[in-house]
Every structure is written in structure tokens, then in C-alpha cells.
């Protein structure tokens, strides 16, 4: 008698398991795949001067000179640096000022913060795009340069850019300059 009751109970339990299992199978869902594409971040800069590189000095005149550091479109947020190197005798003959927006980092090194932009961002290096020949320059000083052209005063510009952030951390201008310091 126990077998007669036991077999229907087991059969009923199996039917319940199948019904519950079948119901659970119908209550499932699948999402569409999400594909992550990782592109390359970049900083692209140019340093250009449209007025040439050779100039005639005449005491007391102003010379148009337009070195411009440009951060190209879609570059990452960065520190833009300009290193200005003067020949040993430059200050004897000439003067210049840096354009607004540049901050002195160290002797001859200037920087500015540049945010990502969809357009090129040009930054003039010299105030009013000019250098001035001092009116204290004499004919004797000029004749010395004529005799030894290699002693002519020079002004050299080099631009550098460094990303502003590394993951969660933001670089200081000093730390960023240390990454590229020649």
C-alpha cells in the first residue's frame, strides 16, 4: 500500500519540477553586446614663424617676429611649453617680452594650460609679435658683428607639450616639464 501512494507522490513531484523548471526557462533575457572601442589620445603641436628667420638690425627699430606655438585640433588637455634660448650677447643688442597668457616656469621656459578644442589653438610667443633693437647699439658693435658674423645675436624657440593628466592624477607644470626637459 505504501508503494501505491509513494509512486503517485513521486510522479506528482516530477511533474511539478518540470512545470516549475519550464516556467523558469521562459523567464530569461539576453542583452545586446556592448563593444568598447579604445582610440588613441594624442597631442599635436606646431611651432611656426611667418616672418622668416633672418633679420637686419638697426639701432632703435622694432622688428616684426611672430613665433607661434599651435596646439592642433582635438589634442588632449595639455601643458604647452616654449623654451626661449638667447645667445650670450642677445641682451646687449635686443629686447623682447613674452605674450600675455604665458607663465614663467624657469629661466627661459614659459608655459600655459591648453584644454581640448575642436579647432587649432594658436598662441603667439612674443608680445605684439616683435623684438626691439636697443638704441644703445653703436656702429662699433655692429662692425664687430660684420667682422665675425657668428657673433650675431640669436633667439631660438622650441615648443613642447605634455598631457595634463595621467589617469586620476593631474601633473603640475614642473612635473610635466620634467617629462620633456631637454
C-alpha atoms as a PDB file:
ATOM      1  CA  UNK A   1       0.000   0.000   0.000  1.00  0.00           C
ATOM      2  CA  UNK A   2       2.780   2.321   0.708  1.00  0.00           C
ATOM      3  CA  UNK A   3       4.110   1.744  -2.807  1.00  0.00           C
ATOM      4  CA  UNK A   4       0.809   2.736  -4.347  1.00  0.00           C
ATOM      5  CA  UNK A   5       0.830   6.078  -2.518  1.00  0.00           C
ATOM      6  CA  UNK A   6       4.555   6.659  -2.900  1.00  0.00           C
ATOM      7  CA  UNK A   7       4.673   6.294  -6.744  1.00  0.00           C
ATOM      8  CA  UNK A   8       1.940   8.894  -7.438  1.00  0.00           C
ATOM      9  CA  UNK A   9       3.576  11.324  -4.991  1.00  0.00           C
ATOM     10  CA  UNK A  10       6.932  10.972  -6.788  1.00  0.00           C
ATOM     11  CA  UNK A  11       5.209  11.325 -10.175  1.00  0.00           C
ATOM     12  CA  UNK A  12       3.424  14.469  -8.976  1.00  0.00           C
ATOM     13  CA  UNK A  13       6.709  15.885  -7.634  1.00  0.00           C
ATOM     14  CA  UNK A  14       8.409  15.243 -11.011  1.00  0.00           C
ATOM     15  CA  UNK A  15       5.553  16.945 -12.879  1.00  0.00           C
ATOM     16  CA  UNK A  16       5.796  19.960 -10.538  1.00  0.00           C
ATOM     17  CA  UNK A  17       9.572  20.155 -11.061  1.00  0.00           C
ATOM     18  CA  UNK A  18       9.120  20.043 -14.841  1.00  0.00           C
ATOM     19  CA  UNK A  19       6.429  22.744 -14.762  1.00  0.00           C
ATOM     20  CA  UNK A  20       8.492  25.000 -12.479  1.00  0.00           C
ATOM     21  CA  UNK A  21      11.678  24.333 -14.492  1.00  0.00           C
ATOM     22  CA  UNK A  22       9.861  25.082 -17.751  1.00  0.00           C
ATOM     23  CA  UNK A  23       8.448  28.307 -16.338  1.00  0.00           C
ATOM     24  CA  UNK A  24      11.889  29.446 -15.167  1.00  0.00           C
ATOM     25  CA  UNK A  25      13.310  28.697 -18.600  1.00  0.00           C
ATOM     26  CA  UNK A  26      10.781  31.050 -20.131  1.00  0.00           C
ATOM     27  CA  UNK A  27      11.668  33.902 -17.763  1.00  0.00           C
ATOM     28  CA  UNK A  28      15.143  34.651 -19.139  1.00  0.00           C
ATOM     29  CA  UNK A  29      16.560  37.552 -21.108  1.00  0.00           C
ATOM     30  CA  UNK A  30      19.736  38.405 -23.027  1.00  0.00           C
ATOM     31  CA  UNK A  31      21.172  41.879 -23.727  1.00  0.00           C
ATOM     32  CA  UNK A  32      22.735  43.068 -26.928  1.00  0.00           C
ATOM     33  CA  UNK A  33      26.532  43.039 -26.791  1.00  0.00           C
ATOM     34  CA  UNK A  34      28.308  46.294 -25.964  1.00  0.00           C
ATOM     35  CA  UNK A  35      31.557  46.742 -27.870  1.00  0.00           C
ATOM     36  CA  UNK A  36      34.142  49.108 -26.411  1.00  0.00           C
ATOM     37  CA  UNK A  37      36.484  50.775 -28.868  1.00  0.00           C
ATOM     38  CA  UNK A  38      39.613  52.389 -27.488  1.00  0.00           C
ATOM     39  CA  UNK A  39      41.077  55.152 -29.613  1.00  0.00           C
ATOM     40  CA  UNK A  40      44.448  56.768 -29.204  1.00  0.00           C
ATOM     41  CA  UNK A  41      44.714  60.070 -27.348  1.00  0.00           C
ATOM     42  CA  UNK A  42      47.232  62.462 -28.818  1.00  0.00           C
ATOM     43  CA  UNK A  43      48.812  65.863 -28.511  1.00  0.00           C
ATOM     44  CA  UNK A  44      49.889  67.502 -31.732  1.00  0.00           C
ATOM     45  CA  UNK A  45      51.696  70.858 -31.773  1.00  0.00           C
ATOM     46  CA  UNK A  46      53.434  73.068 -34.313  1.00  0.00           C
ATOM     47  CA  UNK A  47      55.814  75.994 -33.971  1.00  0.00           C
ATOM     48  CA  UNK A  48      55.830  78.328 -36.923  1.00  0.00           C
ATOM     49  CA  UNK A  49      57.030  81.771 -37.849  1.00  0.00           C
ATOM     50  CA  UNK A  50      55.653  83.514 -40.925  1.00  0.00           C
ATOM     51  CA  UNK A  51      58.088  86.442 -40.957  1.00  0.00           C
ATOM     52  CA  UNK A  52      61.199  84.354 -41.661  1.00  0.00           C
ATOM     53  CA  UNK A  53      64.316  83.731 -39.608  1.00  0.00           C
ATOM     54  CA  UNK A  54      66.873  86.311 -40.757  1.00  0.00           C
ATOM     55  CA  UNK A  55      66.510  89.956 -39.780  1.00  0.00           C
ATOM     56  CA  UNK A  56      68.520  93.159 -40.177  1.00  0.00           C
ATOM     57  CA  UNK A  57      69.356  95.043 -37.011  1.00  0.00           C
ATOM     58  CA  UNK A  58      69.244  98.815 -36.982  1.00  0.00           C
ATOM     59  CA  UNK A  59      69.609 100.578 -33.614  1.00  0.00           C
ATOM     60  CA  UNK A  60      66.283 101.715 -32.169  1.00  0.00           C
ATOM     61  CA  UNK A  61      63.960  99.837 -34.554  1.00  0.00           C
ATOM     62  CA  UNK A  62      61.291  97.251 -33.875  1.00  0.00           C
ATOM     63  CA  UNK A  63      61.417  94.019 -35.869  1.00  0.00           C
ATOM     64  CA  UNK A  64      58.257  92.055 -36.661  1.00  0.00           C
ATOM     65  CA  UNK A  65      58.773  88.496 -35.421  1.00  0.00           C
ATOM     66  CA  UNK A  66      55.849  86.122 -34.888  1.00  0.00           C
ATOM     67  CA  UNK A  67      56.800  82.724 -33.480  1.00  0.00           C
ATOM     68  CA  UNK A  68      53.510  80.971 -32.741  1.00  0.00           C
ATOM     69  CA  UNK A  69      53.012  77.674 -30.907  1.00  0.00           C
ATOM     70  CA  UNK A  70      49.822  75.961 -32.066  1.00  0.00           C
ATOM     71  CA  UNK A  71      48.039  73.107 -30.313  1.00  0.00           C
ATOM     72  CA  UNK A  72      46.286  71.247 -33.109  1.00  0.00           C
ATOM     73  CA  UNK A  73      42.581  70.394 -33.067  1.00  0.00           C
ATOM     74  CA  UNK A  74      41.394  67.565 -30.813  1.00  0.00           C
ATOM     75  CA  UNK A  75      44.630  67.345 -28.839  1.00  0.00           C
ATOM     76  CA  UNK A  76      44.292  66.211 -25.242  1.00  0.00           C
ATOM     77  CA  UNK A  77      44.344  68.736 -22.394  1.00  0.00           C
ATOM     78  CA  UNK A  78      47.999  69.678 -22.059  1.00  0.00           C
ATOM     79  CA  UNK A  79      50.656  71.983 -20.771  1.00  0.00           C
ATOM     80  CA  UNK A  80      52.218  73.866 -23.675  1.00  0.00           C
ATOM     81  CA  UNK A  81      55.806  74.921 -23.044  1.00  0.00           C
ATOM     82  CA  UNK A  82      58.043  77.264 -25.002  1.00  0.00           C
ATOM     83  CA  UNK A  83      61.757  77.326 -24.350  1.00  0.00           C
ATOM     84  CA  UNK A  84      63.390  80.592 -25.404  1.00  0.00           C
ATOM     85  CA  UNK A  85      67.164  80.463 -25.777  1.00  0.00           C
ATOM     86  CA  UNK A  86      69.099  83.695 -26.193  1.00  0.00           C
ATOM     87  CA  UNK A  87      72.683  83.914 -27.353  1.00  0.00           C
ATOM     88  CA  UNK A  88      75.116  85.224 -24.734  1.00  0.00           C
ATOM     89  CA  UNK A  89      75.137  88.680 -26.334  1.00  0.00           C
ATOM     90  CA  UNK A  90      71.411  88.948 -27.129  1.00  0.00           C
ATOM     91  CA  UNK A  91      70.568  91.220 -24.187  1.00  0.00           C
ATOM     92  CA  UNK A  92      73.343  93.613 -25.225  1.00  0.00           C
ATOM     93  CA  UNK A  93      71.632  94.201 -28.576  1.00  0.00           C
ATOM     94  CA  UNK A  94      67.916  93.439 -28.244  1.00  0.00           C
ATOM     95  CA  UNK A  95      64.855  93.150 -26.001  1.00  0.00           C
ATOM     96  CA  UNK A  96      61.531  91.326 -26.129  1.00  0.00           C
ATOM     97  CA  UNK A  97      58.568  90.480 -23.917  1.00  0.00           C
ATOM     98  CA  UNK A  98      56.510  87.296 -23.892  1.00  0.00           C
ATOM     99  CA  UNK A  99      52.884  87.497 -24.973  1.00  0.00           C
ATOM    100  CA  UNK A 100      50.072  87.561 -22.424  1.00  0.00           C
ATOM    101  CA  UNK A 101      48.954  84.186 -21.092  1.00  0.00           C
ATOM    102  CA  UNK A 102      52.419  82.662 -20.682  1.00  0.00           C
ATOM    103  CA  UNK A 103      53.681  81.918 -17.165  1.00  0.00           C
ATOM    104  CA  UNK A 104      57.390  81.788 -16.311  1.00  0.00           C
ATOM    105  CA  UNK A 105      58.377  78.290 -15.174  1.00  0.00           C
ATOM    106  CA  UNK A 106      62.129  78.827 -15.035  1.00  0.00           C
ATOM    107  CA  UNK A 107      64.811  80.860 -16.806  1.00  0.00           C
ATOM    108  CA  UNK A 108      63.781  80.933 -20.475  1.00  0.00           C
ATOM    109  CA  UNK A 109      60.893  78.446 -20.058  1.00  0.00           C
ATOM    110  CA  UNK A 110      57.257  79.539 -20.253  1.00  0.00           C
ATOM    111  CA  UNK A 111      54.047  77.514 -20.124  1.00  0.00           C
ATOM    112  CA  UNK A 112      50.281  77.721 -20.410  1.00  0.00           C
ATOM    113  CA  UNK A 113      47.408  75.288 -19.858  1.00  0.00           C
ATOM    114  CA  UNK A 114      45.523  74.320 -23.014  1.00  0.00           C
ATOM    115  CA  UNK A 115      42.173  72.496 -22.960  1.00  0.00           C
ATOM    116  CA  UNK A 116      40.962  70.145 -25.691  1.00  0.00           C
ATOM    117  CA  UNK A 117      39.285  72.002 -28.537  1.00  0.00           C
ATOM    118  CA  UNK A 118      37.806  71.013 -31.894  1.00  0.00           C
ATOM    119  CA  UNK A 119      39.810  73.794 -33.588  1.00  0.00           C
ATOM    120  CA  UNK A 120      43.523  74.619 -33.768  1.00  0.00           C
ATOM    121  CA  UNK A 121      44.615  76.938 -30.946  1.00  0.00           C
ATOM    122  CA  UNK A 122      47.491  79.291 -31.896  1.00  0.00           C
ATOM    123  CA  UNK A 123      49.441  81.092 -29.160  1.00  0.00           C
ATOM    124  CA  UNK A 124      51.884  83.879 -30.103  1.00  0.00           C
ATOM    125  CA  UNK A 125      55.092  83.720 -28.078  1.00  0.00           C
ATOM    126  CA  UNK A 126      56.175  87.371 -28.296  1.00  0.00           C
ATOM    127  CA  UNK A 127      54.130  90.325 -27.115  1.00  0.00           C
ATOM    128  CA  UNK A 128      52.857  92.242 -30.148  1.00  0.00           C
ATOM    129  CA  UNK A 129      54.928  89.850 -32.327  1.00  0.00           C
ATOM    130  CA  UNK A 130      58.067  91.946 -32.109  1.00  0.00           C
ATOM    131  CA  UNK A 131      61.591  92.305 -30.795  1.00  0.00           C
ATOM    132  CA  UNK A 132      63.349  95.647 -30.419  1.00  0.00           C
ATOM    133  CA  UNK A 133      66.924  96.586 -31.217  1.00  0.00           C
ATOM    134  CA  UNK A 134      68.251  98.728 -28.387  1.00  0.00           C
ATOM    135  CA  UNK A 135      69.049 102.327 -29.263  1.00  0.00           C
ATOM    136  CA  UNK A 136      72.297 101.929 -27.305  1.00  0.00           C
ATOM    137  CA  UNK A 137      73.752  99.710 -30.052  1.00  0.00           C
ATOM    138  CA  UNK A 138      76.676 101.540 -31.676  1.00  0.00           C
ATOM    139  CA  UNK A 139      78.325 101.379 -35.085  1.00  0.00           C
ATOM    140  CA  UNK A 140      81.373  99.826 -33.432  1.00  0.00           C
ATOM    141  CA  UNK A 141      79.196  96.998 -32.048  1.00  0.00           C
ATOM    142  CA  UNK A 142      77.603  96.455 -35.469  1.00  0.00           C
ATOM    143  CA  UNK A 143      81.023  96.451 -37.193  1.00  0.00           C
ATOM    144  CA  UNK A 144      82.205  93.742 -34.786  1.00  0.00           C
ATOM    145  CA  UNK A 145      79.311  91.538 -35.939  1.00  0.00           C
ATOM    146  CA  UNK A 146      80.127  92.232 -39.598  1.00  0.00           C
ATOM    147  CA  UNK A 147      83.713  91.054 -38.982  1.00  0.00           C
ATOM    148  CA  UNK A 148      82.547  87.951 -37.091  1.00  0.00           C
ATOM    149  CA  UNK A 149      79.004  87.019 -38.263  1.00  0.00           C
ATOM    150  CA  UNK A 150      78.935  84.048 -35.895  1.00  0.00           C
ATOM    151  CA  UNK A 151      78.693  86.568 -33.033  1.00  0.00           C
ATOM    152  CA  UNK A 152      75.340  87.946 -34.229  1.00  0.00           C
ATOM    153  CA  UNK A 153      72.678  87.745 -31.509  1.00  0.00           C
ATOM    154  CA  UNK A 154      70.257  84.840 -31.839  1.00  0.00           C
ATOM    155  CA  UNK A 155      66.902  83.950 -30.355  1.00  0.00           C
ATOM    156  CA  UNK A 156      65.754  80.314 -30.574  1.00  0.00           C
ATOM    157  CA  UNK A 157      62.284  78.980 -29.755  1.00  0.00           C
ATOM    158  CA  UNK A 158      61.315  75.352 -29.119  1.00  0.00           C
ATOM    159  CA  UNK A 159      57.793  74.190 -28.217  1.00  0.00           C
ATOM    160  CA  UNK A 160      56.857  71.139 -26.143  1.00  0.00           C
ATOM    161  CA  UNK A 161      53.532  69.729 -24.931  1.00  0.00           C
ATOM    162  CA  UNK A 162      52.755  67.255 -22.158  1.00  0.00           C
ATOM    163  CA  UNK A 163      49.405  65.736 -21.227  1.00  0.00           C
ATOM    164  CA  UNK A 164      47.846  67.403 -18.229  1.00  0.00           C
ATOM    165  CA  UNK A 165      46.561  64.216 -16.576  1.00  0.00           C
ATOM    166  CA  UNK A 166      47.748  60.662 -16.088  1.00  0.00           C
ATOM    167  CA  UNK A 167      44.676  58.666 -15.135  1.00  0.00           C
ATOM    168  CA  UNK A 168      43.275  60.227 -11.976  1.00  0.00           C
ATOM    169  CA  UNK A 169      46.383  62.310 -11.281  1.00  0.00           C
ATOM    170  CA  UNK A 170      46.975  65.809 -12.629  1.00  0.00           C
ATOM    171  CA  UNK A 171      50.583  66.779 -13.283  1.00  0.00           C
ATOM    172  CA  UNK A 172      51.964  70.048 -12.013  1.00  0.00           C
ATOM    173  CA  UNK A 173      53.647  72.182 -14.682  1.00  0.00           C
ATOM    174  CA  UNK A 174      57.011  71.377 -13.053  1.00  0.00           C
ATOM    175  CA  UNK A 175      56.374  67.615 -13.194  1.00  0.00           C
ATOM    176  CA  UNK A 176      55.171  67.877 -16.794  1.00  0.00           C
ATOM    177  CA  UNK A 177      58.273  69.879 -17.803  1.00  0.00           C
ATOM    178  CA  UNK A 178      60.464  67.211 -16.180  1.00  0.00           C
ATOM    179  CA  UNK A 179      58.971  64.673 -18.647  1.00  0.00           C
ATOM    180  CA  UNK A 180      60.349  66.546 -21.678  1.00  0.00           C
ATOM    181  CA  UNK A 181      63.146  68.658 -20.292  1.00  0.00           C
ATOM    182  CA  UNK A 182      65.971  68.504 -22.819  1.00  0.00           C
END
